[in-house]
Amino acid sequence: MQTLLGKAFPADDRPSVHVGLAALGGSVLVEKLTAEHSWLIDFDEPPDFTAMAQQVLAALRLVPQLADRLPM
């Protein structure tokens, strides 16, 4: 997942990823998968959200690929 998120975020500023697993009988399932990112916004000047919006858009475009990487 980090490799995939690396396409949208620089190596030194990637989202933190949290995975919740659930045991069901003899299987382990991915119950919850979240990625969280924070940006520091300086309000001394009117903020330019362009870079943040581009990162969010790039991350959203990667979401369908995440399903291919999760165990079934």
PDB file of N, CA and C in Angstrom:
ATOM      1  N   MET A   1       0.806  -1.197   0.000  1.00  0.00           N
ATOM      2  CA  MET A   1       0.000   0.000   0.000  1.00  0.00           C
ATOM      3  C   MET A   1       0.844   1.252   0.000  1.00  0.00           C
ATOM      4  N   GLN A   2       1.927   1.238   0.769  1.00  0.00           N
ATOM      5  CA  GLN A   2       2.779   2.430   0.806  1.00  0.00           C
ATOM      6  C   GLN A   2       3.367   2.722  -0.577  1.00  0.00           C
ATOM      7  N   THR A   3       3.699   1.669  -1.319  1.00  0.00           N
ATOM      8  CA  THR A   3       4.223   1.864  -2.676  1.00  0.00           C
ATOM      9  C   THR A   3       3.177   2.545  -3.545  1.00  0.00           C
ATOM     10  N   LEU A   4       1.952   2.101  -3.421  1.00  0.00           N
ATOM     11  CA  LEU A   4       0.872   2.690  -4.208  1.00  0.00           C
ATOM     12  C   LEU A   4       0.632   4.140  -3.800  1.00  0.00           C
ATOM     13  N   LEU A   5       0.598   4.413  -2.497  1.00  0.00           N
ATOM     14  CA  LEU A   5       0.408   5.791  -2.029  1.00  0.00           C
ATOM     15  C   LEU A   5       1.590   6.677  -2.403  1.00  0.00           C
ATOM     16  N   GLY A   6       2.762   6.059  -2.602  1.00  0.00           N
ATOM     17  CA  GLY A   6       3.939   6.815  -3.020  1.00  0.00           C
ATOM     18  C   GLY A   6       3.767   7.472  -4.375  1.00  0.00           C
ATOM     19  N   LYS A   7       2.804   6.998  -5.157  1.00  0.00           N
ATOM     20  CA  LYS A   7       2.528   7.623  -6.444  1.00  0.00           C
ATOM     21  C   LYS A   7       1.832   8.971  -6.272  1.00  0.00           C
ATOM     22  N   ALA A   8       1.180   9.174  -5.144  1.00  0.00           N
ATOM     23  CA  ALA A   8       0.424  10.411  -4.912  1.00  0.00           C
ATOM     24  C   ALA A   8       1.092  11.338  -3.899  1.00  0.00           C
ATOM     25  N   PHE A   9       1.963  10.777  -3.039  1.00  0.00           N
ATOM     26  CA  PHE A   9       2.568  11.563  -1.966  1.00  0.00           C
ATOM     27  C   PHE A   9       4.082  11.382  -1.974  1.00  0.00           C
ATOM     28  N   PRO A  10       4.847  12.418  -1.626  1.00  0.00           N
ATOM     29  CA  PRO A  10       6.299  12.263  -1.550  1.00  0.00           C
ATOM     30  C   PRO A  10       6.691  11.306  -0.420  1.00  0.00           C
ATOM     31  N   ALA A  11       7.875  10.714  -0.527  1.00  0.00           N
ATOM     32  CA  ALA A  11       8.329   9.692   0.428  1.00  0.00           C
ATOM     33  C   ALA A  11       8.373  10.200   1.864  1.00  0.00           C
ATOM     34  N   ASP A  12       8.676  11.459   2.062  1.00  0.00           N
ATOM     35  CA  ASP A  12       8.797  11.992   3.417  1.00  0.00           C
ATOM     36  C   ASP A  12       7.490  12.562   3.966  1.00  0.00           C
ATOM     37  N   ASP A  13       6.390  12.383   3.224  1.00  0.00           N
ATOM     38  CA  ASP A  13       5.114  12.976   3.656  1.00  0.00           C
ATOM     39  C   ASP A  13       3.935  12.109   3.230  1.00  0.00           C
ATOM     40  N   ARG A  14       4.019  10.814   3.515  1.00  0.00           N
ATOM     41  CA  ARG A  14       2.946   9.893   3.128  1.00  0.00           C
ATOM     42  C   ARG A  14       1.920   9.758   4.243  1.00  0.00           C
ATOM     43  N   PRO A  15       0.703   9.389   3.875  1.00  0.00           N
ATOM     44  CA  PRO A  15      -0.331   9.165   4.887  1.00  0.00           C
ATOM     45  C   PRO A  15       0.020   7.991   5.790  1.00  0.00           C
ATOM     46  N   SER A  16      -0.493   8.018   6.998  1.00  0.00           N
ATOM     47  CA  SER A  16      -0.364   6.848   7.868  1.00  0.00           C
ATOM     48  C   SER A  16      -1.506   5.897   7.503  1.00  0.00           C
ATOM     49  N   VAL A  17      -1.194   4.620   7.484  1.00  0.00           N
ATOM     50  CA  VAL A  17      -2.155   3.598   7.075  1.00  0.00           C
ATOM     51  C   VAL A  17      -2.509   2.752   8.287  1.00  0.00           C
ATOM     52  N   HIS A  18      -3.796   2.489   8.458  1.00  0.00           N
ATOM     53  CA  HIS A  18      -4.286   1.673   9.563  1.00  0.00           C
ATOM     54  C   HIS A  18      -5.115   0.532   8.987  1.00  0.00           C
ATOM     55  N   VAL A  19      -4.813  -0.674   9.418  1.00  0.00           N
ATOM     56  CA  VAL A  19      -5.532  -1.849   8.929  1.00  0.00           C
ATOM     57  C   VAL A  19      -6.157  -2.552  10.126  1.00  0.00           C
ATOM     58  N   GLY A  20      -7.445  -2.839  10.032  1.00  0.00           N
ATOM     59  CA  GLY A  20      -8.147  -3.612  11.054  1.00  0.00           C
ATOM     60  C   GLY A  20      -8.456  -4.989  10.503  1.00  0.00           C
ATOM     61  N   LEU A  21      -8.039  -6.021  11.220  1.00  0.00           N
ATOM     62  CA  LEU A  21      -8.267  -7.387  10.784  1.00  0.00           C
ATOM     63  C   LEU A  21      -9.317  -8.048  11.666  1.00  0.00           C
ATOM     64  N   ALA A  22     -10.048  -8.971  11.098  1.00  0.00           N
ATOM     65  CA  ALA A  22     -11.058  -9.716  11.851  1.00  0.00           C
ATOM     66  C   ALA A  22     -10.870 -11.195  11.557  1.00  0.00           C
ATOM     67  N   ALA A  23     -10.905 -11.993  12.605  1.00  0.00           N
ATOM     68  CA  ALA A  23     -10.824 -13.450  12.452  1.00  0.00           C
ATOM     69  C   ALA A  23     -12.246 -13.989  12.400  1.00  0.00           C
ATOM     70  N   LEU A  24     -12.528 -14.761  11.362  1.00  0.00           N
ATOM     71  CA  LEU A  24     -13.851 -15.350  11.185  1.00  0.00           C
ATOM     72  C   LEU A  24     -13.648 -16.829  10.862  1.00  0.00           C
ATOM     73  N   GLY A  25     -13.873 -17.661  11.861  1.00  0.00           N
ATOM     74  CA  GLY A  25     -13.602 -19.077  11.666  1.00  0.00           C
ATOM     75  C   GLY A  25     -12.119 -19.274  11.438  1.00  0.00           C
ATOM     76  N   GLY A  26     -11.767 -19.886  10.327  1.00  0.00           N
ATOM     77  CA  GLY A  26     -10.367 -20.091   9.997  1.00  0.00           C
ATOM     78  C   GLY A  26      -9.809 -19.039   9.062  1.00  0.00           C
ATOM     79  N   SER A  27     -10.545 -17.969   8.821  1.00  0.00           N
ATOM     80  CA  SER A  27     -10.106 -16.930   7.885  1.00  0.00           C
ATOM     81  C   SER A  27      -9.820 -15.628   8.614  1.00  0.00           C
ATOM     82  N   VAL A  28      -8.905 -14.873   8.062  1.00  0.00           N
ATOM     83  CA  VAL A  28      -8.638 -13.521   8.548  1.00  0.00           C
ATOM     84  C   VAL A  28      -9.044 -12.561   7.445  1.00  0.00           C
ATOM     85  N   LEU A  29      -9.887 -11.616   7.782  1.00  0.00           N
ATOM     86  CA  LEU A  29     -10.423 -10.658   6.817  1.00  0.00           C
ATOM     87  C   LEU A  29      -9.939  -9.249   7.121  1.00  0.00           C
ATOM     88  N   VAL A  30      -9.748  -8.460   6.080  1.00  0.00           N
ATOM     89  CA  VAL A  30      -9.486  -7.037   6.271  1.00  0.00           C
ATOM     90  C   VAL A  30     -10.835  -6.392   6.546  1.00  0.00           C
ATOM     91  N   GLU A  31     -11.022  -5.985   7.792  1.00  0.00           N
ATOM     92  CA  GLU A  31     -12.302  -5.422   8.206  1.00  0.00           C
ATOM     93  C   GLU A  31     -12.365  -3.923   7.928  1.00  0.00           C
ATOM     94  N   LYS A  32     -11.225  -3.267   8.069  1.00  0.00           N
ATOM     95  CA  LYS A  32     -11.195  -1.820   7.913  1.00  0.00           C
ATOM     96  C   LYS A  32      -9.813  -1.416   7.426  1.00  0.00           C
ATOM     97  N   LEU A  33      -9.783  -0.498   6.482  1.00  0.00           N
ATOM     98  CA  LEU A  33      -8.526   0.024   5.952  1.00  0.00           C
ATOM     99  C   LEU A  33      -8.671   1.526   5.808  1.00  0.00           C
ATOM    100  N   THR A  34      -7.831   2.271   6.484  1.00  0.00           N
ATOM    101  CA  THR A  34      -7.895   3.725   6.379  1.00  0.00           C
ATOM    102  C   THR A  34      -6.496   4.291   6.150  1.00  0.00           C
ATOM    103  N   ALA A  35      -6.442   5.397   5.470  1.00  0.00           N
ATOM    104  CA  ALA A  35      -5.214   6.167   5.310  1.00  0.00           C
ATOM    105  C   ALA A  35      -5.523   7.587   5.752  1.00  0.00           C
ATOM    106  N   GLU A  36      -4.643   8.141   6.543  1.00  0.00           N
ATOM    107  CA  GLU A  36      -4.885   9.462   7.125  1.00  0.00           C
ATOM    108  C   GLU A  36      -3.692  10.363   6.833  1.00  0.00           C
ATOM    109  N   HIS A  37      -3.956  11.586   6.421  1.00  0.00           N
ATOM    110  CA  HIS A  37      -2.896  12.533   6.116  1.00  0.00           C
ATOM    111  C   HIS A  37      -3.283  13.903   6.648  1.00  0.00           C
ATOM    112  N   SER A  38      -2.291  14.652   7.078  1.00  0.00           N
ATOM    113  CA  SER A  38      -2.516  16.016   7.570  1.00  0.00           C
ATOM    114  C   SER A  38      -1.626  16.979   6.809  1.00  0.00           C
ATOM    115  N   TRP A  39      -2.137  18.159   6.596  1.00  0.00           N
ATOM    116  CA  TRP A  39      -1.367  19.219   5.969  1.00  0.00           C
ATOM    117  C   TRP A  39      -1.281  20.386   6.939  1.00  0.00           C
ATOM    118  N   LEU A  40      -0.133  21.035   6.970  1.00  0.00           N
ATOM    119  CA  LEU A  40       0.053  22.249   7.768  1.00  0.00           C
ATOM    120  C   LEU A  40      -0.329  23.432   6.884  1.00  0.00           C
ATOM    121  N   ILE A  41      -1.261  24.231   7.349  1.00  0.00           N
ATOM    122  CA  ILE A  41      -1.727  25.384   6.574  1.00  0.00           C
ATOM    123  C   ILE A  41      -1.337  26.653   7.321  1.00  0.00           C
ATOM    124  N   ASP A  42      -0.601  27.510   6.638  1.00  0.00           N
ATOM    125  CA  ASP A  42      -0.185  28.791   7.191  1.00  0.00           C
ATOM    126  C   ASP A  42      -1.204  29.849   6.770  1.00  0.00           C
ATOM    127  N   PHE A  43      -1.904  30.407   7.739  1.00  0.00           N
ATOM    128  CA  PHE A  43      -2.939  31.394   7.436  1.00  0.00           C
ATOM    129  C   PHE A  43      -2.433  32.830   7.538  1.00  0.00           C
ATOM    130  N   ASP A  44      -1.098  32.992   7.617  1.00  0.00           N
ATOM    131  CA  ASP A  44      -0.563  34.356   7.595  1.00  0.00           C
ATOM    132  C   ASP A  44      -0.789  34.997   6.229  1.00  0.00           C
ATOM    133  N   GLU A  45      -0.813  34.178   5.198  1.00  0.00           N
ATOM    134  CA  GLU A  45      -1.131  34.604   3.833  1.00  0.00           C
ATOM    135  C   GLU A  45      -2.359  33.810   3.389  1.00  0.00           C
ATOM    136  N   PRO A  46      -3.120  34.294   2.432  1.00  0.00           N
ATOM    137  CA  PRO A  46      -4.232  33.488   1.926  1.00  0.00           C
ATOM    138  C   PRO A  46      -3.690  32.142   1.401  1.00  0.00           C
ATOM    139  N   PRO A  47      -4.178  31.029   1.914  1.00  0.00           N
ATOM    140  CA  PRO A  47      -3.618  29.738   1.528  1.00  0.00           C
ATOM    141  C   PRO A  47      -3.960  29.344   0.095  1.00  0.00           C
ATOM    142  N   ASP A  48      -3.020  28.661  -0.535  1.00  0.00           N
ATOM    143  CA  ASP A  48      -3.223  28.103  -1.870  1.00  0.00           C
ATOM    144  C   ASP A  48      -3.408  26.596  -1.682  1.00  0.00           C
ATOM    145  N   PHE A  49      -4.609  26.119  -1.933  1.00  0.00           N
ATOM    146  CA  PHE A  49      -4.943  24.711  -1.711  1.00  0.00           C
ATOM    147  C   PHE A  49      -4.692  23.838  -2.943  1.00  0.00           C
ATOM    148  N   THR A  50      -4.075  24.398  -3.978  1.00  0.00           N
ATOM    149  CA  THR A  50      -3.873  23.664  -5.221  1.00  0.00           C
ATOM    150  C   THR A  50      -3.072  22.385  -5.016  1.00  0.00           C
ATOM    151  N   ALA A  51      -1.944  22.471  -4.323  1.00  0.00           N
ATOM    152  CA  ALA A  51      -1.094  21.291  -4.113  1.00  0.00           C
ATOM    153  C   ALA A  51      -1.834  20.218  -3.321  1.00  0.00           C
ATOM    154  N   MET A  52      -2.575  20.633  -2.287  1.00  0.00           N
ATOM    155  CA  MET A  52      -3.345  19.666  -1.491  1.00  0.00           C
ATOM    156  C   MET A  52      -4.422  19.004  -2.344  1.00  0.00           C
ATOM    157  N   ALA A  53      -5.113  19.793  -3.134  1.00  0.00           N
ATOM    158  CA  ALA A  53      -6.176  19.249  -3.987  1.00  0.00           C
ATOM    159  C   ALA A  53      -5.606  18.263  -4.996  1.00  0.00           C
ATOM    160  N   GLN A  54      -4.422  18.546  -5.529  1.00  0.00           N
ATOM    161  CA  GLN A  54      -3.792  17.625  -6.479  1.00  0.00           C
ATOM    162  C   GLN A  54      -3.421  16.306  -5.813  1.00  0.00           C
ATOM    163  N   GLN A  55      -2.933  16.356  -4.568  1.00  0.00           N
ATOM    164  CA  GLN A  55      -2.608  15.130  -3.843  1.00  0.00           C
ATOM    165  C   GLN A  55      -3.860  14.318  -3.547  1.00  0.00           C
ATOM    166  N   VAL A  56      -4.926  14.981  -3.136  1.00  0.00           N
ATOM    167  CA  VAL A  56      -6.178  14.276  -2.854  1.00  0.00           C
ATOM    168  C   VAL A  56      -6.717  13.627  -4.122  1.00  0.00           C
ATOM    169  N   LEU A  57      -6.704  14.348  -5.226  1.00  0.00           N
ATOM    170  CA  LEU A  57      -7.178  13.803  -6.492  1.00  0.00           C
ATOM    171  C   LEU A  57      -6.330  12.598  -6.914  1.00  0.00           C
ATOM    172  N   ALA A  58      -5.024  12.698  -6.803  1.00  0.00           N
ATOM    173  CA  ALA A  58      -4.143  11.577  -7.162  1.00  0.00           C
ATOM    174  C   ALA A  58      -4.412  10.371  -6.275  1.00  0.00           C
ATOM    175  N   ALA A  59      -4.635  10.599  -4.977  1.00  0.00           N
ATOM    176  CA  ALA A  59      -4.924   9.495  -4.054  1.00  0.00           C
ATOM    177  C   ALA A  59      -6.262   8.836  -4.393  1.00  0.00           C
ATOM    178  N   LEU A  60      -7.265   9.636  -4.717  1.00  0.00           N
ATOM    179  CA  LEU A  60      -8.574   9.072  -5.062  1.00  0.00           C
ATOM    180  C   LEU A  60      -8.516   8.233  -6.337  1.00  0.00           C
ATOM    181  N   ARG A  61      -7.660   8.621  -7.250  1.00  0.00           N
ATOM    182  CA  ARG A  61      -7.497   7.834  -8.478  1.00  0.00           C
ATOM    183  C   ARG A  61      -6.848   6.482  -8.210  1.00  0.00           C
ATOM    184  N   LEU A  62      -6.121   6.369  -7.101  1.00  0.00           N
ATOM    185  CA  LEU A  62      -5.458   5.109  -6.742  1.00  0.00           C
ATOM    186  C   LEU A  62      -6.379   4.131  -6.022  1.00  0.00           C
ATOM    187  N   VAL A  63      -7.479   4.610  -5.483  1.00  0.00           N
ATOM    188  CA  VAL A  63      -8.358   3.779  -4.658  1.00  0.00           C
ATOM    189  C   VAL A  63      -8.769   2.476  -5.346  1.00  0.00           C
ATOM    190  N   PRO A  64      -9.181   2.475  -6.612  1.00  0.00           N
ATOM    191  CA  PRO A  64      -9.554   1.195  -7.228  1.00  0.00           C
ATOM    192  C   PRO A  64      -8.407   0.175  -7.247  1.00  0.00           C
ATOM    193  N   GLN A  65      -7.162   0.639  -7.329  1.00  0.00           N
ATOM    194  CA  GLN A  65      -6.031  -0.255  -7.341  1.00  0.00           C
ATOM    195  C   GLN A  65      -5.791  -0.906  -5.980  1.00  0.00           C
ATOM    196  N   LEU A  66      -6.247  -0.267  -4.915  1.00  0.00           N
ATOM    197  CA  LEU A  66      -6.074  -0.829  -3.581  1.00  0.00           C
ATOM    198  C   LEU A  66      -6.794  -2.163  -3.437  1.00  0.00           C
ATOM    199  N   ALA A  67      -7.954  -2.278  -4.052  1.00  0.00           N
ATOM    200  CA  ALA A  67      -8.731  -3.503  -3.946  1.00  0.00           C
ATOM    201  C   ALA A  67      -7.956  -4.696  -4.521  1.00  0.00           C
ATOM    202  N   ASP A  68      -7.133  -4.441  -5.514  1.00  0.00           N
ATOM    203  CA  ASP A  68      -6.349  -5.526  -6.131  1.00  0.00           C
ATOM    204  C   ASP A  68      -5.207  -5.991  -5.239  1.00  0.00           C
ATOM    205  N   ARG A  69      -4.846  -5.201  -4.241  1.00  0.00           N
ATOM    206  CA  ARG A  69      -3.690  -5.523  -3.403  1.00  0.00           C
ATOM    207  C   ARG A  69      -4.071  -6.107  -2.057  1.00  0.00           C
ATOM    208  N   LEU A  70      -5.331  -6.068  -1.712  1.00  0.00           N
ATOM    209  CA  LEU A  70      -5.765  -6.589  -0.423  1.00  0.00           C
ATOM    210  C   LEU A  70      -6.030  -8.083  -0.513  1.00  0.00           C
ATOM    211  N   PRO A  71      -5.715  -8.806   0.567  1.00  0.00           N
ATOM    212  CA  PRO A  71      -6.032 -10.242   0.556  1.00  0.00           C
ATOM    213  C   PRO A  71      -7.530 -10.465   0.577  1.00  0.00           C
ATOM    214  N   MET A  72      -7.968 -11.505  -0.063  1.00  0.00           N
ATOM    215  CA  MET A  72      -9.396 -11.838  -0.100  1.00  0.00           C
ATOM    216  C   MET A  72      -9.701 -12.882   0.957  1.00  0.00           C
TER     217      MET A  72
END
